[in-house]
Amino acid sequence: MMKRLLKDMLLIFIGALVFALGVNFFTIPNRLSEGGVLGITIITHYLFHWSPGVVNFALNAALIGLGYKFFAKRTFVYTLISLAACSLFLFLTEGAGRRLTEDTLLASVFAGLLVGIGLGLIFRSGGTSGGTTILAQLANQYFGWSIAKAMLILDVTVVAASVLIIGLEKAMYTLLVVYIGAKAIDFIVEGLDERVAVLIISNEPEQVLTNITEKMSRGLTVLDGRGGYTGQDKKVLYIVINKQEIVQLKHIIREIDEHAYVTVHSVHEMMGKGYKAV
């Protein structure tokens, strides 16, 4: 338990430092912005020269206080620690940031990468970014919006508003920052262990099951199904694998039944045991 806690805290503080370096060394020196609460923090810095660390802490603390009921106890504590760490490193590196490149495109790429990697490490530890997540939860509760839709609308709204401060061209580069950051977060959270769920309907289910088990050392779940048109009973095979294993799986299936019906679905989260190789 203690080992897990220390690992989580290490990820949070490393993530917070990388996040702050991305903001203070690439975003602000090149007059770019961000989406959500971070974007508001950066815009207030451009307008009033307020400290990003202080404003980030104040805005997120207010929102966390407003939406604390949406968090589990552990997530709430980790989010508070993440907020404190991010704000502290933003404050400590505020004066150290210098313009490392005058190429706005290059700055956008590295701003997105560093901010995304930093937040990804925080998310991987079990913390959250706070602000935008809470606003999305409130929009879901009171307006019926999906969480993803609400977060997208909030980010786009902040970026659109930033046009008045940083100009249209810089706002367009900011969209690139947000996109790269989102991809970096996905990569860090999912990593190379990105998983997919595969449903297999074959006329040779037993042979397919045996070959997959033997050649891939993976367990499968056998589901009972029935053809909607023919009414015939079918055995449906269900398996969760690494994305990199899809090619091998398809090859195994085609060797036995080239007419097998196979569907592949992305898996965003898994809980419990049974996924690892047997």
C-alpha atoms as a PDB file:
ATOM      1  CA  MET A   1       0.000   0.000   0.000  1.00  0.00           C
ATOM      2  CA  MET A   2       2.778   2.410   0.959  1.00  0.00           C
ATOM      3  CA  LYS A   3       4.765   1.489  -2.159  1.00  0.00           C
ATOM      4  CA  ARG A   4       1.739   2.276  -4.343  1.00  0.00           C
ATOM      5  CA  LEU A   5       1.210   5.592  -2.556  1.00  0.00           C
ATOM      6  CA  LEU A   6       4.842   6.641  -3.042  1.00  0.00           C
ATOM      7  CA  LYS A   7       4.677   5.701  -6.725  1.00  0.00           C
ATOM      8  CA  ASP A   8       1.489   7.736  -7.191  1.00  0.00           C
ATOM      9  CA  MET A   9       2.979  10.768  -5.444  1.00  0.00           C
ATOM     10  CA  LEU A  10       6.119  10.523  -7.578  1.00  0.00           C
ATOM     11  CA  LEU A  11       4.033  10.448 -10.756  1.00  0.00           C
ATOM     12  CA  ILE A  12       1.985  13.430  -9.608  1.00  0.00           C
ATOM     13  CA  PHE A  13       5.023  15.590  -8.804  1.00  0.00           C
ATOM     14  CA  ILE A  14       6.925  14.631 -11.963  1.00  0.00           C
ATOM     15  CA  GLY A  15       3.777  15.241 -13.988  1.00  0.00           C
ATOM     16  CA  ALA A  16       3.209  18.608 -12.326  1.00  0.00           C
ATOM     17  CA  LEU A  17       6.791  19.697 -13.064  1.00  0.00           C
ATOM     18  CA  VAL A  18       6.605  18.657 -16.735  1.00  0.00           C
ATOM     19  CA  PHE A  19       3.215  20.397 -17.019  1.00  0.00           C
ATOM     20  CA  ALA A  20       4.622  23.638 -15.566  1.00  0.00           C
ATOM     21  CA  LEU A  21       7.663  23.575 -17.844  1.00  0.00           C
ATOM     22  CA  GLY A  22       5.406  23.213 -20.870  1.00  0.00           C
ATOM     23  CA  VAL A  23       3.370  26.253 -19.836  1.00  0.00           C
ATOM     24  CA  ASN A  24       6.227  28.514 -18.735  1.00  0.00           C
ATOM     25  CA  PHE A  25       8.823  27.578 -21.354  1.00  0.00           C
ATOM     26  CA  PHE A  26       6.678  27.156 -24.480  1.00  0.00           C
ATOM     27  CA  THR A  27       3.071  28.321 -24.060  1.00  0.00           C
ATOM     28  CA  ILE A  28       3.450  31.705 -22.375  1.00  0.00           C
ATOM     29  CA  PRO A  29       6.757  32.864 -23.988  1.00  0.00           C
ATOM     30  CA  ASN A  30       5.220  32.267 -27.424  1.00  0.00           C
ATOM     31  CA  ARG A  31       1.921  33.897 -26.446  1.00  0.00           C
ATOM     32  CA  LEU A  32      -0.123  30.759 -26.967  1.00  0.00           C
ATOM     33  CA  SER A  33      -3.044  29.650 -24.826  1.00  0.00           C
ATOM     34  CA  GLU A  34      -4.835  26.472 -23.731  1.00  0.00           C
ATOM     35  CA  GLY A  35      -8.349  25.184 -23.299  1.00  0.00           C
ATOM     36  CA  GLY A  36     -10.419  25.096 -20.129  1.00  0.00           C
ATOM     37  CA  VAL A  37      -9.330  26.554 -16.797  1.00  0.00           C
ATOM     38  CA  LEU A  38      -5.657  26.556 -17.791  1.00  0.00           C
ATOM     39  CA  GLY A  39      -6.555  28.714 -20.778  1.00  0.00           C
ATOM     40  CA  ILE A  40      -8.360  31.199 -18.525  1.00  0.00           C
ATOM     41  CA  THR A  41      -5.312  31.242 -16.243  1.00  0.00           C
ATOM     42  CA  ILE A  42      -2.991  32.060 -19.144  1.00  0.00           C
ATOM     43  CA  ILE A  43      -5.292  34.754 -20.542  1.00  0.00           C
ATOM     44  CA  THR A  44      -5.460  36.525 -17.160  1.00  0.00           C
ATOM     45  CA  HIS A  45      -1.660  36.487 -17.144  1.00  0.00           C
ATOM     46  CA  TYR A  46      -1.578  38.216 -20.547  1.00  0.00           C
ATOM     47  CA  LEU A  47      -4.189  40.777 -19.503  1.00  0.00           C
ATOM     48  CA  PHE A  48      -3.250  41.562 -15.923  1.00  0.00           C
ATOM     49  CA  HIS A  49       0.180  39.908 -15.451  1.00  0.00           C
ATOM     50  CA  TRP A  50      -1.247  37.802 -12.655  1.00  0.00           C
ATOM     51  CA  SER A  51       0.815  34.823 -11.542  1.00  0.00           C
ATOM     52  CA  PRO A  52      -0.346  31.667 -13.387  1.00  0.00           C
ATOM     53  CA  GLY A  53       0.439  29.554 -10.317  1.00  0.00           C
ATOM     54  CA  VAL A  54      -1.724  31.637  -8.012  1.00  0.00           C
ATOM     55  CA  VAL A  55      -4.617  32.020 -10.475  1.00  0.00           C
ATOM     56  CA  ASN A  56      -4.547  28.330 -11.381  1.00  0.00           C
ATOM     57  CA  PHE A  57      -4.763  27.385  -7.723  1.00  0.00           C
ATOM     58  CA  ALA A  58      -7.548  29.877  -6.953  1.00  0.00           C
ATOM     59  CA  LEU A  59      -9.773  28.931  -9.902  1.00  0.00           C
ATOM     60  CA  ASN A  60      -9.345  25.183  -9.514  1.00  0.00           C
ATOM     61  CA  ALA A  61      -9.715  25.266  -5.729  1.00  0.00           C
ATOM     62  CA  ALA A  62     -13.025  27.109  -6.097  1.00  0.00           C
ATOM     63  CA  LEU A  63     -14.269  24.585  -8.656  1.00  0.00           C
ATOM     64  CA  ILE A  64     -13.096  21.594  -6.630  1.00  0.00           C
ATOM     65  CA  GLY A  65     -14.939  22.992  -3.620  1.00  0.00           C
ATOM     66  CA  LEU A  66     -18.024  23.367  -5.800  1.00  0.00           C
ATOM     67  CA  GLY A  67     -17.866  19.883  -7.254  1.00  0.00           C
ATOM     68  CA  TYR A  68     -16.251  17.788  -4.523  1.00  0.00           C
ATOM     69  CA  LYS A  69     -19.299  15.497  -4.425  1.00  0.00           C
ATOM     70  CA  PHE A  70     -18.402  14.184  -7.884  1.00  0.00           C
ATOM     71  CA  PHE A  71     -15.128  12.699  -6.630  1.00  0.00           C
ATOM     72  CA  ALA A  72     -14.444   9.498  -4.743  1.00  0.00           C
ATOM     73  CA  LYS A  73     -12.462  10.122  -1.550  1.00  0.00           C
ATOM     74  CA  ARG A  74      -9.146   8.899  -2.982  1.00  0.00           C
ATOM     75  CA  THR A  75      -9.594  10.811  -6.246  1.00  0.00           C
ATOM     76  CA  PHE A  76     -10.538  13.956  -4.320  1.00  0.00           C
ATOM     77  CA  VAL A  77      -7.375  13.798  -2.188  1.00  0.00           C
ATOM     78  CA  TYR A  78      -5.175  13.062  -5.206  1.00  0.00           C
ATOM     79  CA  THR A  79      -6.793  15.936  -7.111  1.00  0.00           C
ATOM     80  CA  LEU A  80      -6.018  18.351  -4.282  1.00  0.00           C
ATOM     81  CA  ILE A  81      -2.405  17.174  -4.233  1.00  0.00           C
ATOM     82  CA  SER A  82      -2.214  17.464  -8.035  1.00  0.00           C
ATOM     83  CA  LEU A  83      -3.624  20.988  -7.921  1.00  0.00           C
ATOM     84  CA  ALA A  84      -1.163  22.069  -5.233  1.00  0.00           C
ATOM     85  CA  ALA A  85       1.792  20.520  -7.093  1.00  0.00           C
ATOM     86  CA  CYS A  86       0.863  22.021 -10.484  1.00  0.00           C
ATOM     87  CA  SER A  87       0.283  25.468  -9.008  1.00  0.00           C
ATOM     88  CA  LEU A  88       3.510  25.312  -6.982  1.00  0.00           C
ATOM     89  CA  PHE A  89       5.651  24.376  -9.988  1.00  0.00           C
ATOM     90  CA  LEU A  90       3.905  26.980 -12.151  1.00  0.00           C
ATOM     91  CA  PHE A  91       4.831  29.569  -9.522  1.00  0.00           C
ATOM     92  CA  LEU A  92       8.427  28.354  -9.052  1.00  0.00           C
ATOM     93  CA  THR A  93       9.208  28.191 -12.780  1.00  0.00           C
ATOM     94  CA  GLU A  94       7.324  31.376 -13.659  1.00  0.00           C
ATOM     95  CA  GLY A  95      10.367  33.625 -13.857  1.00  0.00           C
ATOM     96  CA  ALA A  96      12.654  30.937 -15.242  1.00  0.00           C
ATOM     97  CA  GLY A  97      10.749  30.510 -18.469  1.00  0.00           C
ATOM     98  CA  ARG A  98      12.456  31.932 -21.552  1.00  0.00           C
ATOM     99  CA  ARG A  99      11.637  31.729 -25.222  1.00  0.00           C
ATOM    100  CA  LEU A 100      13.434  28.572 -26.326  1.00  0.00           C
ATOM    101  CA  THR A 101      12.239  28.899 -29.925  1.00  0.00           C
ATOM    102  CA  GLU A 102      10.754  31.613 -32.100  1.00  0.00           C
ATOM    103  CA  ASP A 103       9.097  29.016 -34.323  1.00  0.00           C
ATOM    104  CA  THR A 104       5.458  29.075 -33.230  1.00  0.00           C
ATOM    105  CA  LEU A 105       4.716  25.682 -34.770  1.00  0.00           C
ATOM    106  CA  LEU A 106       7.611  24.061 -32.904  1.00  0.00           C
ATOM    107  CA  ALA A 107       6.541  25.790 -29.694  1.00  0.00           C
ATOM    108  CA  SER A 108       2.979  24.518 -30.175  1.00  0.00           C
ATOM    109  CA  VAL A 109       4.179  20.943 -30.583  1.00  0.00           C
ATOM    110  CA  PHE A 110       6.358  21.005 -27.477  1.00  0.00           C
ATOM    111  CA  ALA A 111       3.786  22.898 -25.410  1.00  0.00           C
ATOM    112  CA  GLY A 112       1.190  20.258 -26.264  1.00  0.00           C
ATOM    113  CA  LEU A 113       3.600  17.395 -25.603  1.00  0.00           C
ATOM    114  CA  LEU A 114       4.828  18.640 -22.223  1.00  0.00           C
ATOM    115  CA  VAL A 115       1.419  19.700 -20.921  1.00  0.00           C
ATOM    116  CA  GLY A 116      -0.126  16.457 -22.198  1.00  0.00           C
ATOM    117  CA  ILE A 117       2.607  14.243 -20.756  1.00  0.00           C
ATOM    118  CA  GLY A 118       2.412  16.061 -17.422  1.00  0.00           C
ATOM    119  CA  LEU A 119      -1.350  15.731 -17.147  1.00  0.00           C
ATOM    120  CA  GLY A 120      -1.156  12.155 -18.421  1.00  0.00           C
ATOM    121  CA  LEU A 121       1.165  11.196 -15.563  1.00  0.00           C
ATOM    122  CA  ILE A 122      -1.212  12.848 -13.095  1.00  0.00           C
ATOM    123  CA  PHE A 123      -4.210  10.996 -14.557  1.00  0.00           C
ATOM    124  CA  ARG A 124      -2.270   7.721 -14.523  1.00  0.00           C
ATOM    125  CA  SER A 125      -1.608   8.159 -10.801  1.00  0.00           C
ATOM    126  CA  GLY A 126      -5.330   8.547 -10.106  1.00  0.00           C
ATOM    127  CA  GLY A 127      -5.521  12.339  -9.882  1.00  0.00           C
ATOM    128  CA  THR A 128      -7.456  14.682 -12.182  1.00  0.00           C
ATOM    129  CA  SER A 129      -6.971  18.117 -13.706  1.00  0.00           C
ATOM    130  CA  GLY A 130      -9.815  19.493 -11.590  1.00  0.00           C
ATOM    131  CA  GLY A 131     -11.487  22.492 -13.188  1.00  0.00           C
ATOM    132  CA  THR A 132     -12.780  21.532 -16.625  1.00  0.00           C
ATOM    133  CA  THR A 133     -13.710  18.049 -15.419  1.00  0.00           C
ATOM    134  CA  ILE A 134     -15.907  19.527 -12.687  1.00  0.00           C
ATOM    135  CA  LEU A 135     -17.573  22.011 -15.033  1.00  0.00           C
ATOM    136  CA  ALA A 136     -18.311  19.137 -17.419  1.00  0.00           C
ATOM    137  CA  GLN A 137     -19.874  17.152 -14.574  1.00  0.00           C
ATOM    138  CA  LEU A 138     -22.100  20.127 -13.671  1.00  0.00           C
ATOM    139  CA  ALA A 139     -23.145  20.559 -17.312  1.00  0.00           C
ATOM    140  CA  ASN A 140     -23.987  16.860 -17.423  1.00  0.00           C
ATOM    141  CA  GLN A 141     -26.133  17.098 -14.290  1.00  0.00           C
ATOM    142  CA  TYR A 142     -28.014  20.292 -15.093  1.00  0.00           C
ATOM    143  CA  PHE A 143     -28.126  20.332 -18.920  1.00  0.00           C
ATOM    144  CA  GLY A 144     -27.885  16.639 -19.771  1.00  0.00           C
ATOM    145  CA  TRP A 145     -24.710  17.071 -21.842  1.00  0.00           C
ATOM    146  CA  SER A 146     -22.289  14.169 -22.118  1.00  0.00           C
ATOM    147  CA  ILE A 147     -19.005  14.677 -20.255  1.00  0.00           C
ATOM    148  CA  ALA A 148     -16.980  14.544 -23.487  1.00  0.00           C
ATOM    149  CA  LYS A 149     -19.289  17.040 -25.225  1.00  0.00           C
ATOM    150  CA  ALA A 150     -19.177  19.430 -22.278  1.00  0.00           C
ATOM    151  CA  MET A 151     -15.368  19.339 -22.056  1.00  0.00           C
ATOM    152  CA  LEU A 152     -15.044  19.935 -25.798  1.00  0.00           C
ATOM    153  CA  ILE A 153     -17.433  22.892 -25.691  1.00  0.00           C
ATOM    154  CA  LEU A 154     -15.626  24.412 -22.699  1.00  0.00           C
ATOM    155  CA  ASP A 155     -12.199  24.061 -24.309  1.00  0.00           C
ATOM    156  CA  VAL A 156     -13.333  25.455 -27.664  1.00  0.00           C
ATOM    157  CA  THR A 157     -15.132  28.362 -25.940  1.00  0.00           C
ATOM    158  CA  VAL A 158     -11.995  29.382 -24.054  1.00  0.00           C
ATOM    159  CA  VAL A 159      -9.810  29.077 -27.152  1.00  0.00           C
ATOM    160  CA  ALA A 160     -12.334  31.080 -29.201  1.00  0.00           C
ATOM    161  CA  ALA A 161     -12.427  33.802 -26.543  1.00  0.00           C
ATOM    162  CA  SER A 162      -8.631  33.949 -26.537  1.00  0.00           C
ATOM    163  CA  VAL A 163      -8.748  35.208 -30.139  1.00  0.00           C
ATOM    164  CA  LEU A 164      -9.518  38.670 -28.735  1.00  0.00           C
ATOM    165  CA  ILE A 165      -6.285  38.587 -26.716  1.00  0.00           C
ATOM    166  CA  ILE A 166      -3.723  36.607 -28.721  1.00  0.00           C
ATOM    167  CA  GLY A 167      -5.135  36.986 -32.231  1.00  0.00           C
ATOM    168  CA  LEU A 168      -6.587  34.515 -34.687  1.00  0.00           C
ATOM    169  CA  GLU A 169      -3.296  32.973 -35.824  1.00  0.00           C
ATOM    170  CA  LYS A 170      -2.094  32.226 -32.295  1.00  0.00           C
ATOM    171  CA  ALA A 171      -5.529  30.847 -31.419  1.00  0.00           C
ATOM    172  CA  MET A 172      -5.269  28.471 -34.366  1.00  0.00           C
ATOM    173  CA  TYR A 173      -1.891  27.303 -33.093  1.00  0.00           C
ATOM    174  CA  THR A 174      -3.510  26.869 -29.677  1.00  0.00           C
ATOM    175  CA  LEU A 175      -5.947  24.366 -31.190  1.00  0.00           C
ATOM    176  CA  LEU A 176      -2.878  22.398 -32.256  1.00  0.00           C
ATOM    177  CA  VAL A 177      -1.531  22.590 -28.698  1.00  0.00           C
ATOM    178  CA  VAL A 178      -4.824  21.253 -27.317  1.00  0.00           C
ATOM    179  CA  TYR A 179      -4.977  18.438 -29.887  1.00  0.00           C
ATOM    180  CA  ILE A 180      -1.387  17.294 -29.301  1.00  0.00           C
ATOM    181  CA  GLY A 181      -1.909  17.521 -25.543  1.00  0.00           C
ATOM    182  CA  ALA A 182      -4.998  15.306 -25.744  1.00  0.00           C
ATOM    183  CA  LYS A 183      -3.107  12.718 -27.799  1.00  0.00           C
ATOM    184  CA  ALA A 184      -0.185  12.787 -25.365  1.00  0.00           C
ATOM    185  CA  ILE A 185      -2.552  12.246 -22.437  1.00  0.00           C
ATOM    186  CA  ASP A 186      -4.129   9.262 -24.189  1.00  0.00           C
ATOM    187  CA  PHE A 187      -0.721   7.762 -24.893  1.00  0.00           C
ATOM    188  CA  ILE A 188       0.522   8.169 -21.325  1.00  0.00           C
ATOM    189  CA  VAL A 189      -2.692   6.847 -19.758  1.00  0.00           C
ATOM    190  CA  GLU A 190      -3.085   3.934 -22.168  1.00  0.00           C
ATOM    191  CA  GLY A 191       0.585   3.565 -23.047  1.00  0.00           C
ATOM    192  CA  LEU A 192       1.744   0.761 -25.271  1.00  0.00           C
ATOM    193  CA  ASP A 193      -0.722  -1.398 -23.376  1.00  0.00           C
ATOM    194  CA  GLU A 194      -3.719  -0.027 -25.290  1.00  0.00           C
ATOM    195  CA  ARG A 195      -6.365  -2.730 -25.366  1.00  0.00           C
ATOM    196  CA  VAL A 196      -9.103  -3.794 -27.719  1.00  0.00           C
ATOM    197  CA  ALA A 197     -12.031  -6.169 -27.290  1.00  0.00           C
ATOM    198  CA  VAL A 198     -12.641  -8.648 -30.093  1.00  0.00           C
ATOM    199  CA  LEU A 199     -15.855 -10.577 -30.834  1.00  0.00           C
ATOM    200  CA  ILE A 200     -15.441 -13.622 -33.062  1.00  0.00           C
ATOM    201  CA  ILE A 201     -18.283 -15.564 -34.715  1.00  0.00           C
ATOM    202  CA  SER A 202     -16.979 -18.613 -36.543  1.00  0.00           C
ATOM    203  CA  ASN A 203     -18.257 -21.929 -37.869  1.00  0.00           C
ATOM    204  CA  GLU A 204     -15.250 -23.512 -36.115  1.00  0.00           C
ATOM    205  CA  PRO A 205     -15.396 -21.892 -32.672  1.00  0.00           C
ATOM    206  CA  GLU A 206     -13.736 -24.746 -30.783  1.00  0.00           C
ATOM    207  CA  GLN A 207     -10.738 -24.869 -33.113  1.00  0.00           C
ATOM    208  CA  VAL A 208     -10.384 -21.073 -33.088  1.00  0.00           C
ATOM    209  CA  LEU A 209     -10.540 -21.060 -29.280  1.00  0.00           C
ATOM    210  CA  THR A 210      -7.920 -23.815 -29.000  1.00  0.00           C
ATOM    211  CA  ASN A 211      -5.490 -22.173 -31.409  1.00  0.00           C
ATOM    212  CA  ILE A 212      -5.775 -18.733 -29.784  1.00  0.00           C
ATOM    213  CA  THR A 213      -5.249 -20.221 -26.337  1.00  0.00           C
ATOM    214  CA  GLU A 214      -2.216 -22.229 -27.447  1.00  0.00           C
ATOM    215  CA  LYS A 215      -0.529 -19.706 -29.736  1.00  0.00           C
ATOM    216  CA  MET A 216      -1.271 -16.475 -27.846  1.00  0.00           C
ATOM    217  CA  SER A 217      -1.510 -17.774 -24.271  1.00  0.00           C
ATOM    218  CA  ARG A 218      -4.755 -15.862 -23.844  1.00  0.00           C
ATOM    219  CA  GLY A 219      -8.004 -16.893 -22.254  1.00  0.00           C
ATOM    220  CA  LEU A 220     -11.315 -16.328 -24.024  1.00  0.00           C
ATOM    221  CA  THR A 221     -14.925 -16.096 -22.909  1.00  0.00           C
ATOM    222  CA  VAL A 222     -17.489 -18.207 -24.798  1.00  0.00           C
ATOM    223  CA  LEU A 223     -20.909 -16.600 -25.158  1.00  0.00           C
ATOM    224  CA  ASP A 224     -24.110 -18.237 -26.383  1.00  0.00           C
ATOM    225  CA  GLY A 225     -25.610 -16.497 -29.404  1.00  0.00           C
ATOM    226  CA  ARG A 226     -28.284 -17.093 -32.028  1.00  0.00           C
ATOM    227  CA  GLY A 227     -28.444 -15.960 -35.643  1.00  0.00           C
ATOM    228  CA  GLY A 228     -31.159 -13.351 -36.095  1.00  0.00           C
ATOM    229  CA  TYR A 229     -31.994 -14.513 -39.623  1.00  0.00           C
ATOM    230  CA  THR A 230     -31.239 -18.254 -39.511  1.00  0.00           C
ATOM    231  CA  GLY A 231     -32.219 -18.836 -35.895  1.00  0.00           C
ATOM    232  CA  GLN A 232     -29.203 -21.145 -35.541  1.00  0.00           C
ATOM    233  CA  ASP A 233     -27.322 -21.297 -32.251  1.00  0.00           C
ATOM    234  CA  LYS A 234     -23.823 -19.841 -32.365  1.00  0.00           C
ATOM    235  CA  LYS A 235     -20.810 -19.756 -30.090  1.00  0.00           C
ATOM    236  CA  VAL A 236     -19.421 -16.229 -29.811  1.00  0.00           C
ATOM    237  CA  LEU A 237     -15.814 -15.830 -28.634  1.00  0.00           C
ATOM    238  CA  TYR A 238     -14.829 -12.728 -26.666  1.00  0.00           C
ATOM    239  CA  ILE A 239     -11.249 -11.730 -25.954  1.00  0.00           C
ATOM    240  CA  VAL A 240      -9.383  -8.599 -24.788  1.00  0.00           C
ATOM    241  CA  ILE A 241      -5.847  -8.188 -26.141  1.00  0.00           C
ATOM    242  CA  ASN A 242      -3.140  -5.588 -26.705  1.00  0.00           C
ATOM    243  CA  LYS A 243      -3.719  -3.571 -29.858  1.00  0.00           C
ATOM    244  CA  GLN A 244      -0.399  -4.815 -31.223  1.00  0.00           C
ATOM    245  CA  GLU A 245      -1.708  -8.405 -31.116  1.00  0.00           C
ATOM    246  CA  ILE A 246      -4.592  -7.828 -33.551  1.00  0.00           C
ATOM    247  CA  VAL A 247      -2.566  -8.869 -36.612  1.00  0.00           C
ATOM    248  CA  GLN A 248      -1.551 -12.152 -34.970  1.00  0.00           C
ATOM    249  CA  LEU A 249      -5.129 -12.823 -33.875  1.00  0.00           C
ATOM    250  CA  LYS A 250      -6.534 -12.213 -37.363  1.00  0.00           C
ATOM    251  CA  HIS A 251      -3.932 -14.521 -38.853  1.00  0.00           C
ATOM    252  CA  ILE A 252      -4.868 -17.326 -36.449  1.00  0.00           C
ATOM    253  CA  ILE A 253      -8.586 -16.923 -37.210  1.00  0.00           C
ATOM    254  CA  ARG A 254      -8.095 -16.863 -41.006  1.00  0.00           C
ATOM    255  CA  GLU A 255      -6.032 -20.026 -40.896  1.00  0.00           C
ATOM    256  CA  ILE A 256      -9.094 -21.852 -39.568  1.00  0.00           C
ATOM    257  CA  ASP A 257     -12.077 -19.937 -40.916  1.00  0.00           C
ATOM    258  CA  GLU A 258     -11.493 -17.206 -43.498  1.00  0.00           C
ATOM    259  CA  HIS A 259     -15.213 -16.389 -43.440  1.00  0.00           C
ATOM    260  CA  ALA A 260     -15.317 -15.760 -39.676  1.00  0.00           C
ATOM    261  CA  TYR A 261     -17.093 -12.573 -38.581  1.00  0.00           C
ATOM    262  CA  VAL A 262     -14.767 -10.443 -36.428  1.00  0.00           C
ATOM    263  CA  THR A 263     -15.425  -7.076 -34.789  1.00  0.00           C
ATOM    264  CA  VAL A 264     -12.833  -4.997 -32.905  1.00  0.00           C
ATOM    265  CA  HIS A 265     -13.701  -2.375 -30.281  1.00  0.00           C
ATOM    266  CA  SER A 266     -11.486   0.023 -28.335  1.00  0.00           C
ATOM    267  CA  VAL A 267     -11.382  -0.592 -24.583  1.00  0.00           C
ATOM    268  CA  HIS A 268     -11.110   2.642 -22.600  1.00  0.00           C
ATOM    269  CA  GLU A 269     -10.919   1.142 -19.124  1.00  0.00           C
ATOM    270  CA  MET A 270     -10.594  -2.262 -17.482  1.00  0.00           C
ATOM    271  CA  MET A 271     -11.118  -3.368 -13.917  1.00  0.00           C
ATOM    272  CA  GLY A 272     -10.523  -6.722 -12.291  1.00  0.00           C
ATOM    273  CA  LYS A 273      -8.312  -9.636 -13.243  1.00  0.00           C
ATOM    274  CA  GLY A 274      -8.349 -11.952 -16.210  1.00  0.00           C
ATOM    275  CA  TYR A 275      -6.740  -9.812 -18.892  1.00  0.00           C
ATOM    276  CA  LYS A 276      -3.121 -10.831 -18.537  1.00  0.00           C
ATOM    277  CA  ALA A 277      -1.678 -13.750 -20.443  1.00  0.00           C
ATOM    278  CA  VAL A 278      -2.474 -17.123 -18.948  1.00  0.00           C
END
